[in-house]
Amino acid sequence: MNADVTVRDVMDREYVGVSESDDLVETAEVLLREGVDTAVVLRGSEPVGVLTCRDILSLLVEGPPPEAATVEDAMTASMPTVDPDAALTEAADVMSARNVRRLVVTPAAAAQPEGIITEHDVFAVRASGPEGSAETTEEPRSAQSGSALASDVESEGAADFEEQGICEACGTLTGDLVSFNGQLLCADCREI
């Protein structure tokens, strides 16, 4: 992975923001409607936690009845963050060390989050090749070679896979990935 690629280059700038006092069922409906699995919990404009689909499921099993629950009842208060100007390798290291799948992107000088970066974002850049081009999300970006596994795959005679990557929405292996709203998406997912 190219050390010049920053979190800002690949993060998703759009995220769902909710308040601690929001109704949990209504928030779950928003997550479903928006097609995301994470909401940033804000107090004013300051992030104070995250709410994931897993948090909601945990509350269903262990917590109060969902109809009476708020976001605060289910959210995870520990919220790993990363600076938008940090190298992508640093974000990957934080995810690995904290055993998390996403980080809230928040500049050190500001309290308001700028976006979210997920393990899929990191994987997509790794899958784009050894150069790890630092293209912005405004321009189309395609997976040009497989990840670090490409050399293994190639050595096994399956070079057909080196021009493919995994769609971040549906998980399909395809050679037709284009950056759309900060995610690498296949043709089917771009049409939705």
N, C-alpha and C. Protein backbone atom coordinates (compact mmCIF):
# COMPACT_ATOMS: atom_id res chain seq x y z
N MET A 1 0.86 -1.18 0.00
CA MET A 1 0.00 0.00 0.00
C MET A 1 0.89 1.23 0.00
N ASN A 2 0.59 2.17 -0.85
CA ASN A 2 1.36 3.39 -0.98
C ASN A 2 1.18 4.25 0.26
N ALA A 3 2.29 4.68 0.85
CA ALA A 3 2.24 5.49 2.08
C ALA A 3 1.65 6.87 1.83
N ASP A 4 1.54 7.29 0.56
CA ASP A 4 1.00 8.61 0.24
C ASP A 4 -0.53 8.65 0.30
N VAL A 5 -1.17 7.51 0.33
CA VAL A 5 -2.63 7.47 0.39
C VAL A 5 -3.06 7.83 1.81
N THR A 6 -3.94 8.82 1.91
CA THR A 6 -4.41 9.25 3.23
C THR A 6 -5.83 8.79 3.47
N VAL A 7 -6.25 8.87 4.70
CA VAL A 7 -7.62 8.54 5.07
C VAL A 7 -8.60 9.42 4.29
N ARG A 8 -8.28 10.69 4.13
CA ARG A 8 -9.15 11.62 3.40
C ARG A 8 -9.40 11.16 1.96
N ASP A 9 -8.41 10.49 1.36
CA ASP A 9 -8.54 10.04 -0.02
C ASP A 9 -9.60 8.96 -0.20
N VAL A 10 -9.87 8.18 0.83
CA VAL A 10 -10.77 7.03 0.66
C VAL A 10 -11.97 7.01 1.60
N MET A 11 -12.03 7.92 2.56
CA MET A 11 -13.13 7.89 3.53
C MET A 11 -14.46 8.20 2.87
N ASP A 12 -15.53 7.77 3.51
CA ASP A 12 -16.88 8.10 3.06
C ASP A 12 -17.28 9.37 3.80
N ARG A 13 -17.51 10.43 3.06
CA ARG A 13 -17.82 11.73 3.67
C ARG A 13 -19.26 11.83 4.15
N GLU A 14 -20.10 10.94 3.71
CA GLU A 14 -21.50 10.95 4.15
C GLU A 14 -21.69 9.87 5.22
N TYR A 15 -22.31 10.27 6.30
CA TYR A 15 -22.59 9.33 7.38
C TYR A 15 -23.91 9.72 8.03
N VAL A 16 -24.49 8.76 8.74
CA VAL A 16 -25.72 9.02 9.48
C VAL A 16 -25.32 9.49 10.87
N GLY A 17 -25.82 10.65 11.25
CA GLY A 17 -25.57 11.18 12.59
C GLY A 17 -26.85 11.14 13.40
N VAL A 18 -26.76 10.66 14.63
CA VAL A 18 -27.92 10.56 15.51
C VAL A 18 -27.57 11.13 16.88
N SER A 19 -28.59 11.35 17.68
CA SER A 19 -28.42 11.86 19.03
C SER A 19 -28.61 10.72 20.03
N GLU A 20 -28.02 10.86 21.20
CA GLU A 20 -28.17 9.84 22.24
C GLU A 20 -29.62 9.62 22.64
N SER A 21 -30.42 10.65 22.57
CA SER A 21 -31.82 10.56 23.02
C SER A 21 -32.78 10.07 21.93
N ASP A 22 -32.28 9.84 20.70
CA ASP A 22 -33.14 9.38 19.62
C ASP A 22 -33.72 8.00 19.92
N ASP A 23 -34.93 7.78 19.46
CA ASP A 23 -35.61 6.50 19.61
C ASP A 23 -34.84 5.43 18.84
N LEU A 24 -34.58 4.29 19.47
CA LEU A 24 -33.76 3.25 18.85
C LEU A 24 -34.45 2.62 17.64
N VAL A 25 -35.73 2.37 17.71
CA VAL A 25 -36.44 1.76 16.59
C VAL A 25 -36.44 2.70 15.38
N GLU A 26 -36.68 3.98 15.61
CA GLU A 26 -36.65 4.95 14.52
C GLU A 26 -35.24 5.05 13.91
N THR A 27 -34.22 4.98 14.75
CA THR A 27 -32.85 5.03 14.27
C THR A 27 -32.52 3.80 13.44
N ALA A 28 -33.00 2.64 13.87
CA ALA A 28 -32.80 1.41 13.09
C ALA A 28 -33.46 1.54 11.73
N GLU A 29 -34.63 2.15 11.69
CA GLU A 29 -35.32 2.37 10.41
C GLU A 29 -34.51 3.29 9.50
N VAL A 30 -33.87 4.30 10.07
CA VAL A 30 -33.03 5.21 9.28
C VAL A 30 -31.84 4.44 8.71
N LEU A 31 -31.20 3.62 9.53
CA LEU A 31 -30.06 2.82 9.06
C LEU A 31 -30.47 1.92 7.90
N LEU A 32 -31.62 1.28 8.03
CA LEU A 32 -32.11 0.42 6.96
C LEU A 32 -32.41 1.21 5.70
N ARG A 33 -33.08 2.33 5.86
CA ARG A 33 -33.45 3.17 4.71
C ARG A 33 -32.21 3.69 3.99
N GLU A 34 -31.18 4.07 4.74
CA GLU A 34 -29.96 4.62 4.16
C GLU A 34 -29.00 3.53 3.67
N GLY A 35 -29.26 2.28 4.05
CA GLY A 35 -28.41 1.18 3.62
C GLY A 35 -27.03 1.17 4.25
N VAL A 36 -26.96 1.61 5.51
CA VAL A 36 -25.68 1.63 6.23
C VAL A 36 -25.82 0.81 7.51
N ASP A 37 -24.68 0.42 8.07
CA ASP A 37 -24.73 -0.36 9.30
C ASP A 37 -24.20 0.39 10.51
N THR A 38 -23.89 1.67 10.34
CA THR A 38 -23.30 2.45 11.43
C THR A 38 -23.85 3.87 11.44
N ALA A 39 -24.10 4.37 12.63
CA ALA A 39 -24.46 5.78 12.81
C ALA A 39 -23.47 6.37 13.81
N VAL A 40 -23.06 7.60 13.56
CA VAL A 40 -22.20 8.31 14.50
C VAL A 40 -23.12 9.01 15.50
N VAL A 41 -22.89 8.76 16.78
CA VAL A 41 -23.71 9.38 17.83
C VAL A 41 -23.07 10.71 18.19
N LEU A 42 -23.86 11.77 18.05
CA LEU A 42 -23.36 13.13 18.26
C LEU A 42 -24.04 13.79 19.44
N ARG A 43 -23.27 14.58 20.17
CA ARG A 43 -23.80 15.47 21.19
C ARG A 43 -23.49 16.87 20.68
N GLY A 44 -24.50 17.49 20.09
CA GLY A 44 -24.24 18.72 19.34
C GLY A 44 -23.56 18.30 18.05
N SER A 45 -22.33 18.78 17.84
CA SER A 45 -21.56 18.33 16.67
C SER A 45 -20.39 17.45 17.08
N GLU A 46 -20.27 17.16 18.38
CA GLU A 46 -19.17 16.36 18.89
C GLU A 46 -19.53 14.87 18.91
N PRO A 47 -18.71 14.02 18.29
CA PRO A 47 -19.00 12.59 18.33
C PRO A 47 -18.74 12.01 19.72
N VAL A 48 -19.70 11.22 20.22
CA VAL A 48 -19.55 10.61 21.55
C VAL A 48 -19.66 9.09 21.50
N GLY A 49 -19.88 8.53 20.32
CA GLY A 49 -19.97 7.09 20.19
C GLY A 49 -20.45 6.69 18.81
N VAL A 50 -20.64 5.39 18.66
CA VAL A 50 -21.19 4.86 17.41
C VAL A 50 -22.30 3.87 17.75
N LEU A 51 -23.21 3.73 16.82
CA LEU A 51 -24.28 2.74 16.94
C LEU A 51 -24.20 1.87 15.71
N THR A 52 -24.00 0.58 15.92
CA THR A 52 -23.93 -0.35 14.80
C THR A 52 -25.13 -1.29 14.85
N CYS A 53 -25.35 -1.97 13.75
CA CYS A 53 -26.42 -2.97 13.72
C CYS A 53 -26.19 -4.03 14.79
N ARG A 54 -24.94 -4.36 15.01
CA ARG A 54 -24.60 -5.35 16.05
C ARG A 54 -25.00 -4.84 17.44
N ASP A 55 -24.81 -3.54 17.69
CA ASP A 55 -25.22 -2.95 18.97
C ASP A 55 -26.73 -3.09 19.16
N ILE A 56 -27.48 -2.87 18.08
CA ILE A 56 -28.94 -2.98 18.16
C ILE A 56 -29.35 -4.43 18.43
N LEU A 57 -28.69 -5.37 17.77
CA LEU A 57 -28.99 -6.79 18.01
C LEU A 57 -28.66 -7.19 19.45
N SER A 58 -27.55 -6.69 19.97
CA SER A 58 -27.19 -6.98 21.36
C SER A 58 -28.25 -6.48 22.33
N LEU A 59 -28.76 -5.28 22.06
CA LEU A 59 -29.81 -4.73 22.92
C LEU A 59 -31.07 -5.60 22.85
N LEU A 60 -31.40 -6.09 21.66
CA LEU A 60 -32.58 -6.95 21.52
C LEU A 60 -32.48 -8.19 22.40
N VAL A 61 -31.26 -8.70 22.54
CA VAL A 61 -31.06 -9.91 23.33
C VAL A 61 -30.93 -9.61 24.82
N GLU A 62 -30.20 -8.55 25.15
CA GLU A 62 -29.84 -8.31 26.55
C GLU A 62 -30.51 -7.12 27.21
N GLY A 63 -31.00 -6.17 26.43
CA GLY A 63 -31.39 -4.90 27.01
C GLY A 63 -32.87 -4.73 27.24
N PRO A 64 -33.28 -3.48 27.43
CA PRO A 64 -34.70 -3.17 27.63
C PRO A 64 -35.47 -3.43 26.33
N PRO A 65 -36.79 -3.45 26.41
CA PRO A 65 -37.58 -3.63 25.18
C PRO A 65 -37.23 -2.54 24.17
N PRO A 66 -37.09 -2.90 22.91
CA PRO A 66 -36.67 -1.93 21.89
C PRO A 66 -37.58 -0.71 21.81
N GLU A 67 -38.88 -0.89 22.04
CA GLU A 67 -39.81 0.24 21.95
C GLU A 67 -39.49 1.32 22.99
N ALA A 68 -38.88 0.92 24.10
CA ALA A 68 -38.58 1.87 25.18
C ALA A 68 -37.13 2.32 25.15
N ALA A 69 -36.33 1.80 24.23
CA ALA A 69 -34.89 2.07 24.22
C ALA A 69 -34.54 3.31 23.41
N THR A 70 -33.45 3.93 23.80
CA THR A 70 -32.89 5.06 23.06
C THR A 70 -31.54 4.63 22.47
N VAL A 71 -30.99 5.47 21.64
CA VAL A 71 -29.68 5.20 21.06
C VAL A 71 -28.65 5.02 22.16
N GLU A 72 -28.75 5.82 23.22
CA GLU A 72 -27.79 5.74 24.32
C GLU A 72 -27.78 4.36 24.97
N ASP A 73 -28.93 3.68 25.00
CA ASP A 73 -29.01 2.35 25.60
C ASP A 73 -28.21 1.31 24.83
N ALA A 74 -28.04 1.50 23.53
CA ALA A 74 -27.41 0.48 22.70
C ALA A 74 -26.04 0.88 22.16
N MET A 75 -25.72 2.16 22.14
CA MET A 75 -24.50 2.63 21.47
C MET A 75 -23.23 2.14 22.15
N THR A 76 -22.15 2.17 21.39
CA THR A 76 -20.81 1.89 21.91
C THR A 76 -20.16 3.25 22.16
N ALA A 77 -19.85 3.51 23.43
CA ALA A 77 -19.31 4.82 23.79
C ALA A 77 -17.85 4.97 23.39
N SER A 78 -17.11 3.88 23.37
CA SER A 78 -15.72 3.98 22.94
C SER A 78 -15.70 4.07 21.43
N MET A 79 -15.14 5.15 20.94
CA MET A 79 -15.22 5.40 19.52
C MET A 79 -13.82 5.71 18.98
N PRO A 80 -13.19 4.73 18.35
CA PRO A 80 -11.87 5.00 17.79
C PRO A 80 -11.97 6.01 16.65
N THR A 81 -11.04 6.95 16.64
CA THR A 81 -11.02 7.98 15.61
C THR A 81 -9.67 7.98 14.91
N VAL A 82 -9.65 8.64 13.76
CA VAL A 82 -8.41 8.81 13.02
C VAL A 82 -8.47 10.17 12.35
N ASP A 83 -7.32 10.80 12.22
CA ASP A 83 -7.23 12.10 11.56
C ASP A 83 -7.34 11.90 10.05
N PRO A 84 -8.04 12.80 9.35
CA PRO A 84 -8.19 12.63 7.90
C PRO A 84 -6.87 12.69 7.13
N ASP A 85 -5.86 13.32 7.70
CA ASP A 85 -4.57 13.42 7.01
C ASP A 85 -3.61 12.29 7.38
N ALA A 86 -4.07 11.35 8.22
CA ALA A 86 -3.25 10.20 8.57
C ALA A 86 -3.09 9.28 7.37
N ALA A 87 -1.97 8.60 7.32
CA ALA A 87 -1.75 7.62 6.24
C ALA A 87 -2.75 6.48 6.39
N LEU A 88 -3.14 5.92 5.27
CA LEU A 88 -4.09 4.81 5.30
C LEU A 88 -3.53 3.63 6.09
N THR A 89 -2.23 3.44 6.05
CA THR A 89 -1.62 2.35 6.83
C THR A 89 -1.83 2.58 8.32
N GLU A 90 -1.81 3.84 8.75
CA GLU A 90 -2.05 4.15 10.16
C GLU A 90 -3.48 3.78 10.56
N ALA A 91 -4.44 4.09 9.69
CA ALA A 91 -5.83 3.71 9.96
C ALA A 91 -5.97 2.20 10.06
N ALA A 92 -5.31 1.48 9.16
CA ALA A 92 -5.35 0.01 9.20
C ALA A 92 -4.75 -0.51 10.50
N ASP A 93 -3.66 0.11 10.95
CA ASP A 93 -3.03 -0.30 12.20
C ASP A 93 -3.96 -0.06 13.40
N VAL A 94 -4.65 1.09 13.41
CA VAL A 94 -5.58 1.40 14.50
C VAL A 94 -6.73 0.38 14.52
N MET A 95 -7.28 0.08 13.34
CA MET A 95 -8.36 -0.91 13.26
C MET A 95 -7.90 -2.26 13.79
N SER A 96 -6.71 -2.65 13.40
CA SER A 96 -6.19 -3.93 13.83
C SER A 96 -5.93 -3.95 15.34
N ALA A 97 -5.31 -2.91 15.85
CA ALA A 97 -4.98 -2.84 17.28
C ALA A 97 -6.23 -2.78 18.15
N ARG A 98 -7.25 -2.06 17.69
CA ARG A 98 -8.48 -1.90 18.47
C ARG A 98 -9.53 -2.96 18.15
N ASN A 99 -9.23 -3.82 17.15
CA ASN A 99 -10.14 -4.87 16.72
C ASN A 99 -11.52 -4.31 16.35
N VAL A 100 -11.50 -3.28 15.49
CA VAL A 100 -12.73 -2.64 15.02
C VAL A 100 -12.76 -2.66 13.50
N ARG A 101 -13.94 -2.47 12.94
CA ARG A 101 -14.12 -2.50 11.50
C ARG A 101 -14.29 -1.13 10.87
N ARG A 102 -14.38 -0.10 11.72
CA ARG A 102 -14.58 1.25 11.20
C ARG A 102 -13.98 2.26 12.17
N LEU A 103 -13.62 3.41 11.63
CA LEU A 103 -13.11 4.52 12.43
C LEU A 103 -13.86 5.78 12.04
N VAL A 104 -14.13 6.62 13.01
CA VAL A 104 -14.73 7.92 12.73
C VAL A 104 -13.58 8.86 12.39
N VAL A 105 -13.70 9.55 11.25
CA VAL A 105 -12.64 10.44 10.79
C VAL A 105 -12.92 11.82 11.37
N THR A 106 -12.04 12.23 12.29
CA THR A 106 -12.20 13.51 12.99
C THR A 106 -10.85 14.22 13.06
N PRO A 107 -10.77 15.43 12.53
CA PRO A 107 -9.51 16.18 12.63
C PRO A 107 -9.19 16.50 14.08
N ALA A 108 -7.91 16.53 14.40
CA ALA A 108 -7.48 16.81 15.77
C ALA A 108 -7.91 18.21 16.21
N ALA A 109 -7.96 19.15 15.28
CA ALA A 109 -8.28 20.54 15.63
C ALA A 109 -9.78 20.82 15.68
N ALA A 110 -10.61 19.86 15.29
CA ALA A 110 -12.05 20.08 15.26
C ALA A 110 -12.76 18.92 15.94
N ALA A 111 -13.93 19.21 16.47
CA ALA A 111 -14.69 18.17 17.15
C ALA A 111 -15.66 17.46 16.20
N GLN A 112 -16.04 18.11 15.12
CA GLN A 112 -17.04 17.55 14.21
C GLN A 112 -16.41 16.51 13.28
N PRO A 113 -17.02 15.32 13.19
CA PRO A 113 -16.47 14.30 12.29
C PRO A 113 -16.62 14.70 10.82
N GLU A 114 -15.66 14.23 10.00
CA GLU A 114 -15.71 14.50 8.57
C GLU A 114 -16.23 13.30 7.78
N GLY A 115 -16.24 12.13 8.41
CA GLY A 115 -16.69 10.94 7.70
C GLY A 115 -16.35 9.68 8.47
N ILE A 116 -16.43 8.57 7.75
CA ILE A 116 -16.13 7.26 8.32
C ILE A 116 -15.24 6.51 7.34
N ILE A 117 -14.31 5.74 7.86
CA ILE A 117 -13.51 4.84 7.03
C ILE A 117 -13.70 3.43 7.58
N THR A 118 -13.90 2.49 6.68
CA THR A 118 -14.15 1.11 7.08
C THR A 118 -13.02 0.21 6.61
N GLU A 119 -13.02 -1.01 7.11
CA GLU A 119 -12.03 -1.98 6.66
C GLU A 119 -12.19 -2.25 5.17
N HIS A 120 -13.41 -2.11 4.65
CA HIS A 120 -13.63 -2.29 3.21
C HIS A 120 -12.90 -1.21 2.41
N ASP A 121 -12.89 0.03 2.93
CA ASP A 121 -12.18 1.11 2.25
C ASP A 121 -10.68 0.80 2.17
N VAL A 122 -10.13 0.29 3.29
CA VAL A 122 -8.71 -0.06 3.34
C VAL A 122 -8.43 -1.19 2.36
N PHE A 123 -9.28 -2.21 2.37
CA PHE A 123 -9.11 -3.35 1.48
C PHE A 123 -9.18 -2.93 0.02
N ALA A 124 -10.10 -2.05 -0.30
CA ALA A 124 -10.28 -1.61 -1.69
C ALA A 124 -9.01 -0.94 -2.21
N VAL A 125 -8.34 -0.15 -1.37
CA VAL A 125 -7.11 0.50 -1.81
C VAL A 125 -6.00 -0.53 -1.93
N ARG A 126 -5.94 -1.46 -1.00
CA ARG A 126 -4.93 -2.51 -1.10
C ARG A 126 -5.17 -3.34 -2.35
N ALA A 127 -6.43 -3.56 -2.70
CA ALA A 127 -6.76 -4.35 -3.87
C ALA A 127 -6.48 -3.61 -5.16
N SER A 128 -6.30 -2.29 -5.09
CA SER A 128 -6.07 -1.52 -6.31
C SER A 128 -4.63 -1.61 -6.79
N GLY A 129 -3.79 -2.29 -6.07
CA GLY A 129 -2.45 -2.56 -6.57
C GLY A 129 -1.34 -2.08 -5.69
N PRO A 130 -0.12 -2.48 -6.02
CA PRO A 130 1.03 -2.12 -5.21
C PRO A 130 1.31 -0.63 -5.18
N GLU A 131 0.90 0.09 -6.24
CA GLU A 131 1.07 1.53 -6.22
C GLU A 131 0.05 2.19 -5.32
N GLY A 132 -1.14 1.57 -5.13
CA GLY A 132 -2.18 2.12 -4.28
C GLY A 132 -2.50 3.54 -4.64
N SER A 133 -2.87 3.77 -5.89
CA SER A 133 -3.06 5.13 -6.36
C SER A 133 -3.96 5.93 -5.44
N ALA A 134 -3.60 7.17 -5.22
CA ALA A 134 -4.32 8.05 -4.29
C ALA A 134 -5.31 8.90 -5.05
N GLU A 135 -6.17 8.28 -5.82
CA GLU A 135 -7.16 9.03 -6.55
C GLU A 135 -8.25 9.51 -5.60
N THR A 136 -8.84 10.63 -5.92
CA THR A 136 -9.89 11.14 -5.07
C THR A 136 -11.19 10.44 -5.38
N THR A 137 -12.16 10.55 -4.49
CA THR A 137 -13.44 9.89 -4.68
C THR A 137 -14.29 10.57 -5.73
N GLU A 138 -13.91 11.75 -6.19
CA GLU A 138 -14.69 12.42 -7.23
C GLU A 138 -14.46 11.80 -8.59
N GLU A 139 -13.29 11.17 -8.81
CA GLU A 139 -12.98 10.58 -10.09
C GLU A 139 -13.18 9.08 -10.02
N PRO A 140 -13.61 8.44 -11.11
CA PRO A 140 -13.77 6.99 -11.11
C PRO A 140 -12.46 6.31 -10.78
N ARG A 141 -12.57 5.24 -10.01
CA ARG A 141 -11.40 4.50 -9.58
C ARG A 141 -11.75 3.03 -9.75
N SER A 142 -10.92 2.27 -10.38
CA SER A 142 -11.22 0.86 -10.56
C SER A 142 -10.13 0.02 -9.92
N ALA A 143 -10.47 -1.18 -9.57
CA ALA A 143 -9.50 -2.10 -9.00
C ALA A 143 -8.64 -2.61 -10.15
N GLN A 144 -7.34 -2.25 -10.14
CA GLN A 144 -6.49 -2.56 -11.27
C GLN A 144 -5.71 -3.84 -11.07
N SER A 145 -5.50 -4.26 -9.85
CA SER A 145 -4.87 -5.55 -9.62
C SER A 145 -5.35 -6.07 -8.29
N GLY A 146 -5.18 -7.34 -8.05
CA GLY A 146 -5.61 -7.93 -6.79
C GLY A 146 -4.78 -7.40 -5.65
N SER A 147 -5.05 -7.76 -4.45
CA SER A 147 -4.32 -7.27 -3.29
C SER A 147 -2.96 -7.94 -3.20
N ALA A 148 -2.40 -7.96 -2.01
CA ALA A 148 -1.14 -8.62 -1.79
C ALA A 148 -1.25 -10.09 -2.19
N LEU A 149 -2.47 -10.59 -2.23
CA LEU A 149 -2.68 -11.98 -2.63
C LEU A 149 -2.50 -12.16 -4.13
N ALA A 150 -2.44 -11.08 -4.90
CA ALA A 150 -2.33 -11.18 -6.35
C ALA A 150 -1.09 -11.95 -6.75
N SER A 151 0.01 -11.75 -6.06
CA SER A 151 1.22 -12.47 -6.42
C SER A 151 1.06 -13.96 -6.18
N ASP A 152 0.35 -14.34 -5.09
CA ASP A 152 0.08 -15.75 -4.83
C ASP A 152 -0.82 -16.33 -5.89
N VAL A 153 -1.88 -15.60 -6.24
CA VAL A 153 -2.84 -16.07 -7.23
C VAL A 153 -2.15 -16.21 -8.58
N GLU A 154 -1.33 -15.23 -8.95
CA GLU A 154 -0.64 -15.24 -10.22
C GLU A 154 0.30 -16.43 -10.29
N SER A 155 0.99 -16.71 -9.19
CA SER A 155 1.93 -17.82 -9.20
C SER A 155 1.22 -19.15 -9.34
N GLU A 156 -0.04 -19.20 -9.01
CA GLU A 156 -0.81 -20.43 -9.16
C GLU A 156 -1.47 -20.51 -10.53
N GLY A 157 -1.17 -19.55 -11.40
CA GLY A 157 -1.70 -19.60 -12.75
C GLY A 157 -3.11 -19.07 -12.89
N ALA A 158 -3.59 -18.30 -11.96
CA ALA A 158 -4.95 -17.76 -12.04
C ALA A 158 -4.89 -16.25 -12.20
N ALA A 159 -4.11 -15.79 -13.16
CA ALA A 159 -3.91 -14.35 -13.35
C ALA A 159 -5.19 -13.63 -13.74
N ASP A 160 -6.25 -14.36 -14.11
CA ASP A 160 -7.51 -13.73 -14.47
C ASP A 160 -8.08 -12.90 -13.32
N PHE A 161 -7.76 -13.22 -12.10
CA PHE A 161 -8.33 -12.53 -10.96
C PHE A 161 -7.61 -11.25 -10.61
N GLU A 162 -6.44 -10.99 -11.18
CA GLU A 162 -5.69 -9.82 -10.75
C GLU A 162 -6.32 -8.51 -11.18
N GLU A 163 -7.20 -8.53 -12.15
CA GLU A 163 -7.88 -7.32 -12.59
C GLU A 163 -9.23 -7.14 -11.90
N GLN A 164 -9.49 -7.90 -10.84
CA GLN A 164 -10.79 -7.86 -10.19
C GLN A 164 -10.66 -7.38 -8.75
N GLY A 165 -11.79 -6.95 -8.20
CA GLY A 165 -11.86 -6.54 -6.81
C GLY A 165 -13.23 -6.90 -6.27
N ILE A 166 -13.47 -6.58 -5.02
CA ILE A 166 -14.73 -6.92 -4.37
C ILE A 166 -15.58 -5.67 -4.19
N CYS A 167 -16.82 -5.75 -4.64
CA CYS A 167 -17.78 -4.65 -4.48
C CYS A 167 -18.03 -4.45 -2.99
N GLU A 168 -17.96 -3.21 -2.53
CA GLU A 168 -18.13 -2.91 -1.12
C GLU A 168 -19.58 -2.98 -0.65
N ALA A 169 -20.52 -3.00 -1.58
CA ALA A 169 -21.93 -3.07 -1.19
C ALA A 169 -22.43 -4.51 -1.14
N CYS A 170 -22.14 -5.29 -2.19
CA CYS A 170 -22.72 -6.64 -2.27
C CYS A 170 -21.69 -7.75 -2.09
N GLY A 171 -20.39 -7.42 -2.15
CA GLY A 171 -19.36 -8.41 -1.95
C GLY A 171 -19.04 -9.24 -3.18
N THR A 172 -19.53 -8.86 -4.34
CA THR A 172 -19.29 -9.60 -5.57
C THR A 172 -17.88 -9.34 -6.08
N LEU A 173 -17.20 -10.39 -6.52
CA LEU A 173 -15.91 -10.27 -7.16
C LEU A 173 -16.13 -9.86 -8.61
N THR A 174 -15.59 -8.71 -9.01
CA THR A 174 -15.83 -8.19 -10.35
C THR A 174 -14.65 -7.36 -10.83
N GLY A 175 -14.54 -7.19 -12.12
CA GLY A 175 -13.51 -6.34 -12.69
C GLY A 175 -14.05 -4.96 -13.04
N ASP A 176 -15.31 -4.71 -12.75
CA ASP A 176 -15.98 -3.46 -13.12
C ASP A 176 -16.31 -2.65 -11.87
N LEU A 177 -15.29 -2.25 -11.10
CA LEU A 177 -15.52 -1.44 -9.90
C LEU A 177 -15.27 0.02 -10.21
N VAL A 178 -16.15 0.88 -9.73
CA VAL A 178 -16.01 2.32 -9.90
C VAL A 178 -16.33 2.98 -8.56
N SER A 179 -15.57 4.01 -8.23
CA SER A 179 -15.82 4.73 -6.99
C SER A 179 -17.11 5.52 -7.11
N PHE A 180 -18.00 5.30 -6.17
CA PHE A 180 -19.28 6.01 -6.14
C PHE A 180 -19.58 6.32 -4.69
N ASN A 181 -19.63 7.60 -4.33
CA ASN A 181 -19.92 8.04 -2.97
C ASN A 181 -18.93 7.44 -1.96
N GLY A 182 -17.67 7.39 -2.35
CA GLY A 182 -16.64 6.91 -1.43
C GLY A 182 -16.54 5.41 -1.32
N GLN A 183 -17.27 4.65 -2.15
CA GLN A 183 -17.21 3.20 -2.11
C GLN A 183 -16.91 2.67 -3.50
N LEU A 184 -16.20 1.53 -3.57
CA LEU A 184 -16.01 0.86 -4.84
C LEU A 184 -17.20 -0.04 -5.08
N LEU A 185 -17.97 0.26 -6.14
CA LEU A 185 -19.21 -0.46 -6.40
C LEU A 185 -19.20 -1.10 -7.78
N CYS A 186 -19.87 -2.26 -7.88
CA CYS A 186 -20.05 -2.93 -9.17
C CYS A 186 -21.19 -2.23 -9.93
N ALA A 187 -21.37 -2.62 -11.17
CA ALA A 187 -22.39 -1.98 -12.01
C ALA A 187 -23.78 -2.13 -11.43
N ASP A 188 -24.10 -3.31 -10.88
CA ASP A 188 -25.44 -3.53 -10.31
C ASP A 188 -25.70 -2.60 -9.13
N CYS A 189 -24.74 -2.44 -8.25
CA CYS A 189 -24.93 -1.62 -7.05
C CYS A 189 -24.95 -0.13 -7.38
N ARG A 190 -24.28 0.28 -8.46
CA ARG A 190 -24.33 1.69 -8.86
C ARG A 190 -25.69 2.07 -9.40
N GLU A 191 -26.45 1.10 -9.91
CA GLU A 191 -27.77 1.37 -10.47
C GLU A 191 -28.84 1.51 -9.40
N ILE A 192 -28.58 1.02 -8.20
CA ILE A 192 -29.59 1.04 -7.13
C ILE A 192 -29.76 2.42 -6.59
